[in-house]
């Protein structure tokens, strides 16, 4: 096995990435953040998260951009509040159109990774 292999054990991520069947995770019985949500609220949150069709992909490959040996489908930027503000200002500079973002505080890999691929960007 490659030294680059890492394992993903987050149930909602496994569902969203299409690695496990989604029905059980969409039931709300698995805890998401915040952990004190009702089963109904968890089920609604799990249902609204973007997800790939089960079995469509077998792997996800992640790499720092400078050492990636492949063309990425998605590039994620992390930064401080000031750095992110500057990225947003650059993104809206030419058009003036506001950016839209979504978050529920859980399933953090699905919105920035799965949604842009499904929606062909934001």
PDB file of N, CA and C in Angstrom:
ATOM      1  N   UNK A   1       0.839  -1.179   0.000  1.00  0.00           N
ATOM      2  CA  UNK A   1       0.000   0.000   0.000  1.00  0.00           C
ATOM      3  C   UNK A   1       0.887   1.246   0.000  1.00  0.00           C
ATOM      4  N   UNK A   2       0.511   2.232  -0.748  1.00  0.00           N
ATOM      5  CA  UNK A   2       1.279   3.458  -0.875  1.00  0.00           C
ATOM      6  C   UNK A   2       1.379   4.203   0.453  1.00  0.00           C
ATOM      7  N   UNK A   3       2.497   4.884   0.646  1.00  0.00           N
ATOM      8  CA  UNK A   3       2.645   5.709   1.846  1.00  0.00           C
ATOM      9  C   UNK A   3       1.770   6.942   1.778  1.00  0.00           C
ATOM     10  N   UNK A   4       1.201   7.224   0.624  1.00  0.00           N
ATOM     11  CA  UNK A   4       0.349   8.396   0.457  1.00  0.00           C
ATOM     12  C   UNK A   4      -1.104   8.125   0.825  1.00  0.00           C
ATOM     13  N   UNK A   5      -1.453   6.873   1.059  1.00  0.00           N
ATOM     14  CA  UNK A   5      -2.838   6.521   1.343  1.00  0.00           C
ATOM     15  C   UNK A   5      -3.233   7.025   2.733  1.00  0.00           C
ATOM     16  N   UNK A   6      -4.340   7.705   2.799  1.00  0.00           N
ATOM     17  CA  UNK A   6      -4.929   8.150   4.068  1.00  0.00           C
ATOM     18  C   UNK A   6      -6.363   7.635   4.098  1.00  0.00           C
ATOM     19  N   UNK A   7      -6.896   7.466   5.270  1.00  0.00           N
ATOM     20  CA  UNK A   7      -8.235   6.921   5.411  1.00  0.00           C
ATOM     21  C   UNK A   7      -9.199   7.984   5.883  1.00  0.00           C
ATOM     22  N   UNK A   8     -10.393   7.948   5.389  1.00  0.00           N
ATOM     23  CA  UNK A   8     -11.453   8.889   5.738  1.00  0.00           C
ATOM     24  C   UNK A   8     -12.496   8.130   6.541  1.00  0.00           C
ATOM     25  N   UNK A   9     -12.781   8.574   7.765  1.00  0.00           N
ATOM     26  CA  UNK A   9     -13.747   7.866   8.591  1.00  0.00           C
ATOM     27  C   UNK A   9     -14.955   8.728   8.957  1.00  0.00           C
ATOM     28  N   UNK A  10     -15.064   9.914   8.412  1.00  0.00           N
ATOM     29  CA  UNK A  10     -16.204  10.782   8.696  1.00  0.00           C
ATOM     30  C   UNK A  10     -17.421  10.264   7.924  1.00  0.00           C
ATOM     31  N   UNK A  11     -18.485   9.842   8.625  1.00  0.00           N
ATOM     32  CA  UNK A  11     -19.633   9.241   7.926  1.00  0.00           C
ATOM     33  C   UNK A  11     -20.265  10.152   6.877  1.00  0.00           C
ATOM     34  N   UNK A  12     -20.451  11.422   7.184  1.00  0.00           N
ATOM     35  CA  UNK A  12     -21.120  12.298   6.225  1.00  0.00           C
ATOM     36  C   UNK A  12     -20.218  12.562   5.017  1.00  0.00           C
ATOM     37  N   UNK A  13     -18.901  12.596   5.230  1.00  0.00           N
ATOM     38  CA  UNK A  13     -17.980  12.767   4.106  1.00  0.00           C
ATOM     39  C   UNK A  13     -17.984  11.531   3.221  1.00  0.00           C
ATOM     40  N   UNK A  14     -17.983  10.351   3.838  1.00  0.00           N
ATOM     41  CA  UNK A  14     -18.026   9.115   3.064  1.00  0.00           C
ATOM     42  C   UNK A  14     -19.281   9.049   2.205  1.00  0.00           C
ATOM     43  N   UNK A  15     -20.385   9.523   2.757  1.00  0.00           N
ATOM     44  CA  UNK A  15     -21.639   9.566   2.002  1.00  0.00           C
ATOM     45  C   UNK A  15     -21.540  10.563   0.859  1.00  0.00           C
ATOM     46  N   UNK A  16     -21.095  11.772   1.160  1.00  0.00           N
ATOM     47  CA  UNK A  16     -21.020  12.826   0.147  1.00  0.00           C
ATOM     48  C   UNK A  16     -20.048  12.522  -0.964  1.00  0.00           C
ATOM     49  N   UNK A  17     -18.970  11.842  -0.641  1.00  0.00           N
ATOM     50  CA  UNK A  17     -17.991  11.473  -1.658  1.00  0.00           C
ATOM     51  C   UNK A  17     -18.441  10.250  -2.460  1.00  0.00           C
ATOM     52  N   UNK A  18     -19.550   9.644  -2.059  1.00  0.00           N
ATOM     53  CA  UNK A  18     -20.114   8.515  -2.797  1.00  0.00           C
ATOM     54  C   UNK A  18     -19.458   7.192  -2.490  1.00  0.00           C
ATOM     55  N   UNK A  19     -18.747   7.109  -1.352  1.00  0.00           N
ATOM     56  CA  UNK A  19     -18.044   5.880  -1.007  1.00  0.00           C
ATOM     57  C   UNK A  19     -18.909   4.893  -0.234  1.00  0.00           C
ATOM     58  N   UNK A  20     -19.979   5.359   0.386  1.00  0.00           N
ATOM     59  CA  UNK A  20     -20.925   4.478   1.074  1.00  0.00           C
ATOM     60  C   UNK A  20     -22.338   4.872   0.665  1.00  0.00           C
ATOM     61  N   UNK A  21     -23.257   3.939   0.801  1.00  0.00           N
ATOM     62  CA  UNK A  21     -24.655   4.231   0.457  1.00  0.00           C
ATOM     63  C   UNK A  21     -25.210   5.272   1.425  1.00  0.00           C
ATOM     64  N   UNK A  22     -25.925   6.257   0.925  1.00  0.00           N
ATOM     65  CA  UNK A  22     -26.313   7.399   1.757  1.00  0.00           C
ATOM     66  C   UNK A  22     -27.537   7.211   2.643  1.00  0.00           C
ATOM     67  N   UNK A  23     -28.355   6.205   2.415  1.00  0.00           N
ATOM     68  CA  UNK A  23     -29.646   6.122   3.096  1.00  0.00           C
ATOM     69  C   UNK A  23     -29.530   6.165   4.613  1.00  0.00           C
ATOM     70  N   UNK A  24     -28.654   5.362   5.185  1.00  0.00           N
ATOM     71  CA  UNK A  24     -28.547   5.297   6.641  1.00  0.00           C
ATOM     72  C   UNK A  24     -28.049   6.614   7.229  1.00  0.00           C
ATOM     73  N   UNK A  25     -27.108   7.260   6.564  1.00  0.00           N
ATOM     74  CA  UNK A  25     -26.561   8.509   7.072  1.00  0.00           C
ATOM     75  C   UNK A  25     -27.556   9.657   6.934  1.00  0.00           C
ATOM     76  N   UNK A  26     -28.425   9.575   5.933  1.00  0.00           N
ATOM     77  CA  UNK A  26     -29.442  10.615   5.749  1.00  0.00           C
ATOM     78  C   UNK A  26     -30.581  10.477   6.744  1.00  0.00           C
ATOM     79  N   UNK A  27     -30.603   9.409   7.524  1.00  0.00           N
ATOM     80  CA  UNK A  27     -31.689   9.181   8.482  1.00  0.00           C
ATOM     81  C   UNK A  27     -31.629  10.121   9.675  1.00  0.00           C
ATOM     82  N   UNK A  28     -30.452  10.707   9.947  1.00  0.00           N
ATOM     83  CA  UNK A  28     -30.300  11.584  11.096  1.00  0.00           C
ATOM     84  C   UNK A  28     -29.810  10.880  12.339  1.00  0.00           C
ATOM     85  N   UNK A  29     -29.566   9.596  12.256  1.00  0.00           N
ATOM     86  CA  UNK A  29     -29.142   8.869  13.457  1.00  0.00           C
ATOM     87  C   UNK A  29     -27.664   9.085  13.783  1.00  0.00           C
ATOM     88  N   UNK A  30     -26.871   9.525  12.795  1.00  0.00           N
ATOM     89  CA  UNK A  30     -25.456   9.790  13.039  1.00  0.00           C
ATOM     90  C   UNK A  30     -25.270  11.253  13.429  1.00  0.00           C
ATOM     91  N   UNK A  31     -24.486  11.479  14.454  1.00  0.00           N
ATOM     92  CA  UNK A  31     -24.308  12.819  15.004  1.00  0.00           C
ATOM     93  C   UNK A  31     -23.440  13.671  14.081  1.00  0.00           C
ATOM     94  N   UNK A  32     -23.914  14.861  13.816  1.00  0.00           N
ATOM     95  CA  UNK A  32     -23.172  15.895  13.100  1.00  0.00           C
ATOM     96  C   UNK A  32     -22.958  17.035  14.079  1.00  0.00           C
ATOM     97  N   UNK A  33     -22.108  17.968  13.740  1.00  0.00           N
ATOM     98  CA  UNK A  33     -21.965  19.159  14.578  1.00  0.00           C
ATOM     99  C   UNK A  33     -23.111  20.103  14.229  1.00  0.00           C
ATOM    100  N   UNK A  34     -23.773  20.720  15.178  1.00  0.00           N
ATOM    101  CA  UNK A  34     -23.616  20.594  16.619  1.00  0.00           C
ATOM    102  C   UNK A  34     -24.224  19.278  17.113  1.00  0.00           C
ATOM    103  N   UNK A  35     -23.606  18.714  18.123  1.00  0.00           N
ATOM    104  CA  UNK A  35     -23.960  17.363  18.542  1.00  0.00           C
ATOM    105  C   UNK A  35     -25.301  17.261  19.257  1.00  0.00           C
ATOM    106  N   UNK A  36     -25.871  18.367  19.684  1.00  0.00           N
ATOM    107  CA  UNK A  36     -27.140  18.320  20.410  1.00  0.00           C
ATOM    108  C   UNK A  36     -28.347  18.578  19.517  1.00  0.00           C
ATOM    109  N   UNK A  37     -28.196  18.469  18.212  1.00  0.00           N
ATOM    110  CA  UNK A  37     -29.325  18.641  17.295  1.00  0.00           C
ATOM    111  C   UNK A  37     -30.307  17.487  17.430  1.00  0.00           C
ATOM    112  N   UNK A  38     -31.546  17.763  17.080  1.00  0.00           N
ATOM    113  CA  UNK A  38     -32.539  16.695  17.032  1.00  0.00           C
ATOM    114  C   UNK A  38     -32.245  15.785  15.836  1.00  0.00           C
ATOM    115  N   UNK A  39     -32.800  14.597  15.883  1.00  0.00           N
ATOM    116  CA  UNK A  39     -32.644  13.664  14.764  1.00  0.00           C
ATOM    117  C   UNK A  39     -33.213  14.270  13.486  1.00  0.00           C
ATOM    118  N   UNK A  40     -34.321  14.981  13.617  1.00  0.00           N
ATOM    119  CA  UNK A  40     -34.951  15.599  12.443  1.00  0.00           C
ATOM    120  C   UNK A  40     -34.037  16.664  11.823  1.00  0.00           C
ATOM    121  N   UNK A  41     -33.418  17.494  12.670  1.00  0.00           N
ATOM    122  CA  UNK A  41     -32.513  18.534  12.166  1.00  0.00           C
ATOM    123  C   UNK A  41     -31.282  17.912  11.510  1.00  0.00           C
ATOM    124  N   UNK A  42     -30.739  16.852  12.123  1.00  0.00           N
ATOM    125  CA  UNK A  42     -29.591  16.171  11.529  1.00  0.00           C
ATOM    126  C   UNK A  42     -29.957  15.548  10.186  1.00  0.00           C
ATOM    127  N   UNK A  43     -31.131  14.952  10.116  1.00  0.00           N
ATOM    128  CA  UNK A  43     -31.573  14.335   8.862  1.00  0.00           C
ATOM    129  C   UNK A  43     -31.711  15.391   7.768  1.00  0.00           C
ATOM    130  N   UNK A  44     -32.257  16.548   8.120  1.00  0.00           N
ATOM    131  CA  UNK A  44     -32.413  17.632   7.144  1.00  0.00           C
ATOM    132  C   UNK A  44     -31.055  18.128   6.676  1.00  0.00           C
ATOM    133  N   UNK A  45     -30.122  18.314   7.627  1.00  0.00           N
ATOM    134  CA  UNK A  45     -28.780  18.774   7.268  1.00  0.00           C
ATOM    135  C   UNK A  45     -28.088  17.752   6.368  1.00  0.00           C
ATOM    136  N   UNK A  46     -28.172  16.480   6.715  1.00  0.00           N
ATOM    137  CA  UNK A  46     -27.534  15.430   5.914  1.00  0.00           C
ATOM    138  C   UNK A  46     -28.155  15.354   4.523  1.00  0.00           C
ATOM    139  N   UNK A  47     -29.450  15.536   4.433  1.00  0.00           N
ATOM    140  CA  UNK A  47     -30.148  15.461   3.143  1.00  0.00           C
ATOM    141  C   UNK A  47     -29.738  16.600   2.210  1.00  0.00           C
ATOM    142  N   UNK A  48     -29.460  17.780   2.769  1.00  0.00           N
ATOM    143  CA  UNK A  48     -29.172  18.941   1.929  1.00  0.00           C
ATOM    144  C   UNK A  48     -27.714  19.048   1.510  1.00  0.00           C
ATOM    145  N   UNK A  49     -26.852  18.202   2.067  1.00  0.00           N
ATOM    146  CA  UNK A  49     -25.441  18.276   1.688  1.00  0.00           C
ATOM    147  C   UNK A  49     -25.236  17.726   0.288  1.00  0.00           C
ATOM    148  N   UNK A  50     -24.344  18.359  -0.471  1.00  0.00           N
ATOM    149  CA  UNK A  50     -24.076  17.841  -1.815  1.00  0.00           C
ATOM    150  C   UNK A  50     -23.418  16.468  -1.724  1.00  0.00           C
ATOM    151  N   UNK A  51     -23.687  15.632  -2.714  1.00  0.00           N
ATOM    152  CA  UNK A  51     -23.073  14.305  -2.691  1.00  0.00           C
ATOM    153  C   UNK A  51     -22.977  13.742  -4.109  1.00  0.00           C
ATOM    154  N   UNK A  52     -21.914  12.982  -4.292  1.00  0.00           N
ATOM    155  CA  UNK A  52     -21.752  12.251  -5.536  1.00  0.00           C
ATOM    156  C   UNK A  52     -22.615  11.001  -5.481  1.00  0.00           C
ATOM    157  N   UNK A  53     -22.998  10.530  -6.630  1.00  0.00           N
ATOM    158  CA  UNK A  53     -23.729   9.274  -6.732  1.00  0.00           C
ATOM    159  C   UNK A  53     -22.888   8.147  -6.133  1.00  0.00           C
ATOM    160  N   UNK A  54     -23.529   7.260  -5.392  1.00  0.00           N
ATOM    161  CA  UNK A  54     -22.816   6.141  -4.777  1.00  0.00           C
ATOM    162  C   UNK A  54     -22.086   5.337  -5.846  1.00  0.00           C
ATOM    163  N   UNK A  55     -20.806   5.093  -5.601  1.00  0.00           N
ATOM    164  CA  UNK A  55     -20.005   4.261  -6.490  1.00  0.00           C
ATOM    165  C   UNK A  55     -19.434   4.959  -7.705  1.00  0.00           C
ATOM    166  N   UNK A  56     -19.742   6.230  -7.902  1.00  0.00           N
ATOM    167  CA  UNK A  56     -19.231   6.941  -9.079  1.00  0.00           C
ATOM    168  C   UNK A  56     -17.709   7.047  -9.035  1.00  0.00           C
ATOM    169  N   UNK A  57     -17.164   7.306  -7.851  1.00  0.00           N
ATOM    170  CA  UNK A  57     -15.716   7.414  -7.675  1.00  0.00           C
ATOM    171  C   UNK A  57     -15.244   6.394  -6.652  1.00  0.00           C
ATOM    172  N   UNK A  58     -14.006   5.978  -6.775  1.00  0.00           N
ATOM    173  CA  UNK A  58     -13.424   5.044  -5.808  1.00  0.00           C
ATOM    174  C   UNK A  58     -12.402   5.720  -4.918  1.00  0.00           C
ATOM    175  N   UNK A  59     -11.862   6.860  -5.351  1.00  0.00           N
ATOM    176  CA  UNK A  59     -10.788   7.519  -4.623  1.00  0.00           C
ATOM    177  C   UNK A  59     -10.959   9.028  -4.673  1.00  0.00           C
ATOM    178  N   UNK A  60     -10.303   9.700  -3.733  1.00  0.00           N
ATOM    179  CA  UNK A  60     -10.130  11.141  -3.783  1.00  0.00           C
ATOM    180  C   UNK A  60      -8.641  11.380  -3.588  1.00  0.00           C
ATOM    181  N   UNK A  61      -8.068  12.199  -4.427  1.00  0.00           N
ATOM    182  CA  UNK A  61      -6.641  12.471  -4.374  1.00  0.00           C
ATOM    183  C   UNK A  61      -6.458  13.917  -3.953  1.00  0.00           C
ATOM    184  N   UNK A  62      -5.707  14.117  -2.885  1.00  0.00           N
ATOM    185  CA  UNK A  62      -5.490  15.450  -2.315  1.00  0.00           C
ATOM    186  C   UNK A  62      -3.997  15.700  -2.247  1.00  0.00           C
ATOM    187  N   UNK A  63      -3.582  16.916  -2.594  1.00  0.00           N
ATOM    188  CA  UNK A  63      -2.164  17.246  -2.592  1.00  0.00           C
ATOM    189  C   UNK A  63      -1.975  18.743  -2.429  1.00  0.00           C
ATOM    190  N   UNK A  64      -0.872  19.157  -1.829  1.00  0.00           N
ATOM    191  CA  UNK A  64      -0.527  20.581  -1.890  1.00  0.00           C
ATOM    192  C   UNK A  64      -0.354  20.978  -3.356  1.00  0.00           C
ATOM    193  N   UNK A  65      -0.800  22.150  -3.728  1.00  0.00           N
ATOM    194  CA  UNK A  65      -0.808  22.554  -5.134  1.00  0.00           C
ATOM    195  C   UNK A  65       0.593  22.556  -5.751  1.00  0.00           C
ATOM    196  N   UNK A  66       1.607  22.918  -4.984  1.00  0.00           N
ATOM    197  CA  UNK A  66       2.957  22.988  -5.545  1.00  0.00           C
ATOM    198  C   UNK A  66       3.578  21.627  -5.812  1.00  0.00           C
ATOM    199  N   UNK A  67       3.057  20.590  -5.178  1.00  0.00           N
ATOM    200  CA  UNK A  67       3.631  19.264  -5.418  1.00  0.00           C
ATOM    201  C   UNK A  67       2.649  18.309  -6.096  1.00  0.00           C
ATOM    202  N   UNK A  68       1.518  18.802  -6.546  1.00  0.00           N
ATOM    203  CA  UNK A  68       0.532  17.949  -7.211  1.00  0.00           C
ATOM    204  C   UNK A  68       1.081  17.466  -8.559  1.00  0.00           C
ATOM    205  N   UNK A  69       0.955  16.185  -8.805  1.00  0.00           N
ATOM    206  CA  UNK A  69       1.395  15.615 -10.083  1.00  0.00           C
ATOM    207  C   UNK A  69       0.188  15.333 -10.980  1.00  0.00           C
ATOM    208  N   UNK A  70      -0.901  16.058 -10.761  1.00  0.00           N
ATOM    209  CA  UNK A  70      -2.145  15.880 -11.508  1.00  0.00           C
ATOM    210  C   UNK A  70      -2.827  17.235 -11.629  1.00  0.00           C
ATOM    211  N   UNK A  71      -3.755  17.338 -12.567  1.00  0.00           N
ATOM    212  CA  UNK A  71      -4.548  18.559 -12.714  1.00  0.00           C
ATOM    213  C   UNK A  71      -5.753  18.453 -11.783  1.00  0.00           C
ATOM    214  N   UNK A  72      -5.858  19.329 -10.782  1.00  0.00           N
ATOM    215  CA  UNK A  72      -6.949  19.217  -9.812  1.00  0.00           C
ATOM    216  C   UNK A  72      -8.286  19.674 -10.379  1.00  0.00           C
ATOM    217  N   UNK A  73      -9.352  19.078  -9.885  1.00  0.00           N
ATOM    218  CA  UNK A  73     -10.701  19.514 -10.222  1.00  0.00           C
ATOM    219  C   UNK A  73     -11.124  20.676  -9.334  1.00  0.00           C
ATOM    220  N   UNK A  74     -10.559  20.733  -8.129  1.00  0.00           N
ATOM    221  CA  UNK A  74     -10.891  21.771  -7.156  1.00  0.00           C
ATOM    222  C   UNK A  74      -9.607  22.219  -6.486  1.00  0.00           C
ATOM    223  N   UNK A  75      -9.472  23.508  -6.261  1.00  0.00           N
ATOM    224  CA  UNK A  75      -8.357  24.053  -5.489  1.00  0.00           C
ATOM    225  C   UNK A  75      -8.939  24.789  -4.299  1.00  0.00           C
ATOM    226  N   UNK A  76      -8.492  24.412  -3.102  1.00  0.00           N
ATOM    227  CA  UNK A  76      -8.962  25.051  -1.875  1.00  0.00           C
ATOM    228  C   UNK A  76      -7.897  26.004  -1.362  1.00  0.00           C
ATOM    229  N   UNK A  77      -8.341  27.171  -0.927  1.00  0.00           N
ATOM    230  CA  UNK A  77      -7.457  28.155  -0.317  1.00  0.00           C
ATOM    231  C   UNK A  77      -7.835  28.284   1.145  1.00  0.00           C
ATOM    232  N   UNK A  78      -6.858  28.291   1.992  1.00  0.00           N
ATOM    233  CA  UNK A  78      -7.069  28.558   3.412  1.00  0.00           C
ATOM    234  C   UNK A  78      -6.346  29.852   3.734  1.00  0.00           C
ATOM    235  N   UNK A  79      -6.879  30.619   4.652  1.00  0.00           N
ATOM    236  CA  UNK A  79      -6.198  31.848   5.025  1.00  0.00           C
ATOM    237  C   UNK A  79      -6.825  32.497   6.233  1.00  0.00           C
ATOM    238  N   UNK A  80      -6.180  33.536   6.681  1.00  0.00           N
ATOM    239  CA  UNK A  80      -6.727  34.334   7.778  1.00  0.00           C
ATOM    240  C   UNK A  80      -7.920  35.123   7.254  1.00  0.00           C
ATOM    241  N   UNK A  81      -8.644  35.748   8.145  1.00  0.00           N
ATOM    242  CA  UNK A  81      -9.782  36.571   7.726  1.00  0.00           C
ATOM    243  C   UNK A  81      -9.382  37.639   6.721  1.00  0.00           C
ATOM    244  N   UNK A  82      -8.252  38.284   6.946  1.00  0.00           N
ATOM    245  CA  UNK A  82      -7.781  39.338   6.040  1.00  0.00           C
ATOM    246  C   UNK A  82      -7.410  38.751   4.685  1.00  0.00           C
ATOM    247  N   UNK A  83      -6.728  37.616   4.664  1.00  0.00           N
ATOM    248  CA  UNK A  83      -6.351  36.991   3.406  1.00  0.00           C
ATOM    249  C   UNK A  83      -7.582  36.567   2.608  1.00  0.00           C
ATOM    250  N   UNK A  84      -8.560  35.979   3.286  1.00  0.00           N
ATOM    251  CA  UNK A  84      -9.788  35.562   2.613  1.00  0.00           C
ATOM    252  C   UNK A  84     -10.552  36.781   2.092  1.00  0.00           C
ATOM    253  N   UNK A  85     -10.576  37.862   2.866  1.00  0.00           N
ATOM    254  CA  UNK A  85     -11.229  39.089   2.398  1.00  0.00           C
ATOM    255  C   UNK A  85     -10.591  39.565   1.096  1.00  0.00           C
ATOM    256  N   UNK A  86      -9.271  39.546   1.010  1.00  0.00           N
ATOM    257  CA  UNK A  86      -8.582  39.977  -0.211  1.00  0.00           C
ATOM    258  C   UNK A  86      -8.886  39.049  -1.392  1.00  0.00           C
ATOM    259  N   UNK A  87      -8.981  37.747  -1.144  1.00  0.00           N
ATOM    260  CA  UNK A  87      -9.356  36.813  -2.214  1.00  0.00           C
ATOM    261  C   UNK A  87     -10.763  37.115  -2.724  1.00  0.00           C
ATOM    262  N   UNK A  88     -11.674  37.395  -1.809  1.00  0.00           N
ATOM    263  CA  UNK A  88     -13.047  37.730  -2.207  1.00  0.00           C
ATOM    264  C   UNK A  88     -13.067  39.029  -2.998  1.00  0.00           C
ATOM    265  N   UNK A  89     -12.335  40.027  -2.537  1.00  0.00           N
ATOM    266  CA  UNK A  89     -12.284  41.293  -3.271  1.00  0.00           C
ATOM    267  C   UNK A  89     -11.730  41.095  -4.679  1.00  0.00           C
ATOM    268  N   UNK A  90     -10.717  40.243  -4.817  1.00  0.00           N
ATOM    269  CA  UNK A  90     -10.160  39.964  -6.141  1.00  0.00           C
ATOM    270  C   UNK A  90     -11.177  39.247  -7.017  1.00  0.00           C
ATOM    271  N   UNK A  91     -11.939  38.320  -6.430  1.00  0.00           N
ATOM    272  CA  UNK A  91     -12.917  37.554  -7.198  1.00  0.00           C
ATOM    273  C   UNK A  91     -14.057  38.423  -7.717  1.00  0.00           C
ATOM    274  N   UNK A  92     -14.428  39.457  -6.990  1.00  0.00           N
ATOM    275  CA  UNK A  92     -15.558  40.295  -7.407  1.00  0.00           C
ATOM    276  C   UNK A  92     -15.112  41.580  -8.096  1.00  0.00           C
ATOM    277  N   UNK A  93     -13.819  41.788  -8.221  1.00  0.00           N
ATOM    278  CA  UNK A  93     -13.287  43.049  -8.728  1.00  0.00           C
ATOM    279  C   UNK A  93     -13.864  43.441 -10.084  1.00  0.00           C
ATOM    280  N   UNK A  94     -13.772  42.563 -11.065  1.00  0.00           N
ATOM    281  CA  UNK A  94     -14.169  42.911 -12.427  1.00  0.00           C
ATOM    282  C   UNK A  94     -15.672  43.045 -12.592  1.00  0.00           C
ATOM    283  N   UNK A  95     -16.437  42.137 -11.990  1.00  0.00           N
ATOM    284  CA  UNK A  95     -17.883  42.131 -12.219  1.00  0.00           C
ATOM    285  C   UNK A  95     -18.667  42.887 -11.153  1.00  0.00           C
ATOM    286  N   UNK A  96     -18.151  42.916  -9.947  1.00  0.00           N
ATOM    287  CA  UNK A  96     -18.899  43.509  -8.844  1.00  0.00           C
ATOM    288  C   UNK A  96     -19.967  42.592  -8.290  1.00  0.00           C
ATOM    289  N   UNK A  97     -20.106  41.386  -8.870  1.00  0.00           N
ATOM    290  CA  UNK A  97     -21.098  40.432  -8.388  1.00  0.00           C
ATOM    291  C   UNK A  97     -20.643  39.813  -7.070  1.00  0.00           C
ATOM    292  N   UNK A  98     -21.543  39.744  -6.111  1.00  0.00           N
ATOM    293  CA  UNK A  98     -21.219  39.166  -4.811  1.00  0.00           C
ATOM    294  C   UNK A  98     -21.019  37.663  -4.921  1.00  0.00           C
ATOM    295  N   UNK A  99     -20.189  37.123  -4.051  1.00  0.00           N
ATOM    296  CA  UNK A  99     -20.028  35.677  -3.945  1.00  0.00           C
ATOM    297  C   UNK A  99     -21.084  35.132  -3.002  1.00  0.00           C
ATOM    298  N   UNK A 100     -21.466  33.900  -3.211  1.00  0.00           N
ATOM    299  CA  UNK A 100     -22.418  33.231  -2.339  1.00  0.00           C
ATOM    300  C   UNK A 100     -21.712  32.049  -1.699  1.00  0.00           C
ATOM    301  N   UNK A 101     -21.955  31.854  -0.411  1.00  0.00           N
ATOM    302  CA  UNK A 101     -21.370  30.688   0.233  1.00  0.00           C
ATOM    303  C   UNK A 101     -22.404  30.038   1.125  1.00  0.00           C
ATOM    304  N   UNK A 102     -22.189  28.741   1.386  1.00  0.00           N
ATOM    305  CA  UNK A 102     -23.090  27.970   2.249  1.00  0.00           C
ATOM    306  C   UNK A 102     -22.263  27.251   3.290  1.00  0.00           C
ATOM    307  N   UNK A 103     -22.819  27.107   4.461  1.00  0.00           N
ATOM    308  CA  UNK A 103     -22.171  26.328   5.496  1.00  0.00           C
ATOM    309  C   UNK A 103     -23.205  25.911   6.526  1.00  0.00           C
ATOM    310  N   UNK A 104     -23.046  24.693   7.044  1.00  0.00           N
ATOM    311  CA  UNK A 104     -23.899  24.272   8.153  1.00  0.00           C
ATOM    312  C   UNK A 104     -23.044  23.869   9.348  1.00  0.00           C
ATOM    313  N   UNK A 105     -21.717  24.081   9.232  1.00  0.00           N
ATOM    314  CA  UNK A 105     -20.831  23.767  10.338  1.00  0.00           C
ATOM    315  C   UNK A 105     -20.492  22.293  10.459  1.00  0.00           C
ATOM    316  N   UNK A 106     -20.850  21.519   9.468  1.00  0.00           N
ATOM    317  CA  UNK A 106     -20.545  20.089   9.449  1.00  0.00           C
ATOM    318  C   UNK A 106     -20.394  19.675   7.993  1.00  0.00           C
ATOM    319  N   UNK A 107     -19.754  18.557   7.762  1.00  0.00           N
ATOM    320  CA  UNK A 107     -19.557  18.124   6.378  1.00  0.00           C
ATOM    321  C   UNK A 107     -18.713  19.107   5.602  1.00  0.00           C
ATOM    322  N   UNK A 108     -17.720  19.670   6.282  1.00  0.00           N
ATOM    323  CA  UNK A 108     -16.924  20.748   5.715  1.00  0.00           C
ATOM    324  C   UNK A 108     -16.199  20.424   4.430  1.00  0.00           C
ATOM    325  N   UNK A 109     -15.982  19.176   4.135  1.00  0.00           N
ATOM    326  CA  UNK A 109     -15.298  18.847   2.881  1.00  0.00           C
ATOM    327  C   UNK A 109     -16.276  18.789   1.706  1.00  0.00           C
ATOM    328  N   UNK A 110     -17.547  18.632   1.993  1.00  0.00           N
ATOM    329  CA  UNK A 110     -18.509  18.441   0.908  1.00  0.00           C
ATOM    330  C   UNK A 110     -18.846  19.729   0.175  1.00  0.00           C
ATOM    331  N   UNK A 111     -19.026  20.800   0.920  1.00  0.00           N
ATOM    332  CA  UNK A 111     -19.375  22.049   0.256  1.00  0.00           C
ATOM    333  C   UNK A 111     -18.234  22.590  -0.608  1.00  0.00           C
ATOM    334  N   UNK A 112     -16.989  22.596  -0.129  1.00  0.00           N
ATOM    335  CA  UNK A 112     -15.926  23.113  -1.002  1.00  0.00           C
ATOM    336  C   UNK A 112     -15.387  22.122  -2.027  1.00  0.00           C
ATOM    337  N   UNK A 113     -15.611  20.826  -1.864  1.00  0.00           N
ATOM    338  CA  UNK A 113     -15.063  19.838  -2.795  1.00  0.00           C
ATOM    339  C   UNK A 113     -16.138  19.275  -3.719  1.00  0.00           C
ATOM    340  N   UNK A 114     -17.210  18.757  -3.168  1.00  0.00           N
ATOM    341  CA  UNK A 114     -18.238  18.102  -3.980  1.00  0.00           C
ATOM    342  C   UNK A 114     -19.099  19.112  -4.733  1.00  0.00           C
ATOM    343  N   UNK A 115     -19.558  20.151  -4.048  1.00  0.00           N
ATOM    344  CA  UNK A 115     -20.459  21.120  -4.690  1.00  0.00           C
ATOM    345  C   UNK A 115     -19.879  21.753  -5.941  1.00  0.00           C
ATOM    346  N   UNK A 116     -18.626  22.235  -5.952  1.00  0.00           N
ATOM    347  CA  UNK A 116     -18.105  22.840  -7.190  1.00  0.00           C
ATOM    348  C   UNK A 116     -18.016  21.865  -8.355  1.00  0.00           C
ATOM    349  N   UNK A 117     -17.744  20.600  -8.061  1.00  0.00           N
ATOM    350  CA  UNK A 117     -17.680  19.613  -9.143  1.00  0.00           C
ATOM    351  C   UNK A 117     -19.072  19.347  -9.688  1.00  0.00           C
ATOM    352  N   UNK A 118     -20.050  19.195  -8.803  1.00  0.00           N
ATOM    353  CA  UNK A 118     -21.426  18.963  -9.246  1.00  0.00           C
ATOM    354  C   UNK A 118     -21.998  20.164  -9.994  1.00  0.00           C
ATOM    355  N   UNK A 119     -21.671  21.350  -9.508  1.00  0.00           N
ATOM    356  CA  UNK A 119     -22.248  22.589 -10.063  1.00  0.00           C
ATOM    357  C   UNK A 119     -21.355  23.250 -11.089  1.00  0.00           C
ATOM    358  N   UNK A 120     -20.270  22.609 -11.464  1.00  0.00           N
ATOM    359  CA  UNK A 120     -19.302  23.184 -12.420  1.00  0.00           C
ATOM    360  C   UNK A 120     -18.831  24.553 -11.935  1.00  0.00           C
ATOM    361  N   UNK A 121     -18.467  24.612 -10.658  1.00  0.00           N
ATOM    362  CA  UNK A 121     -18.029  25.867 -10.027  1.00  0.00           C
ATOM    363  C   UNK A 121     -19.176  26.446  -9.237  1.00  0.00           C
ATOM    364  N   UNK A 122     -18.955  27.610  -8.675  1.00  0.00           N
ATOM    365  CA  UNK A 122     -20.026  28.267  -7.905  1.00  0.00           C
ATOM    366  C   UNK A 122     -20.634  29.368  -8.702  1.00  0.00           C
TER     367      UNK A 122
END
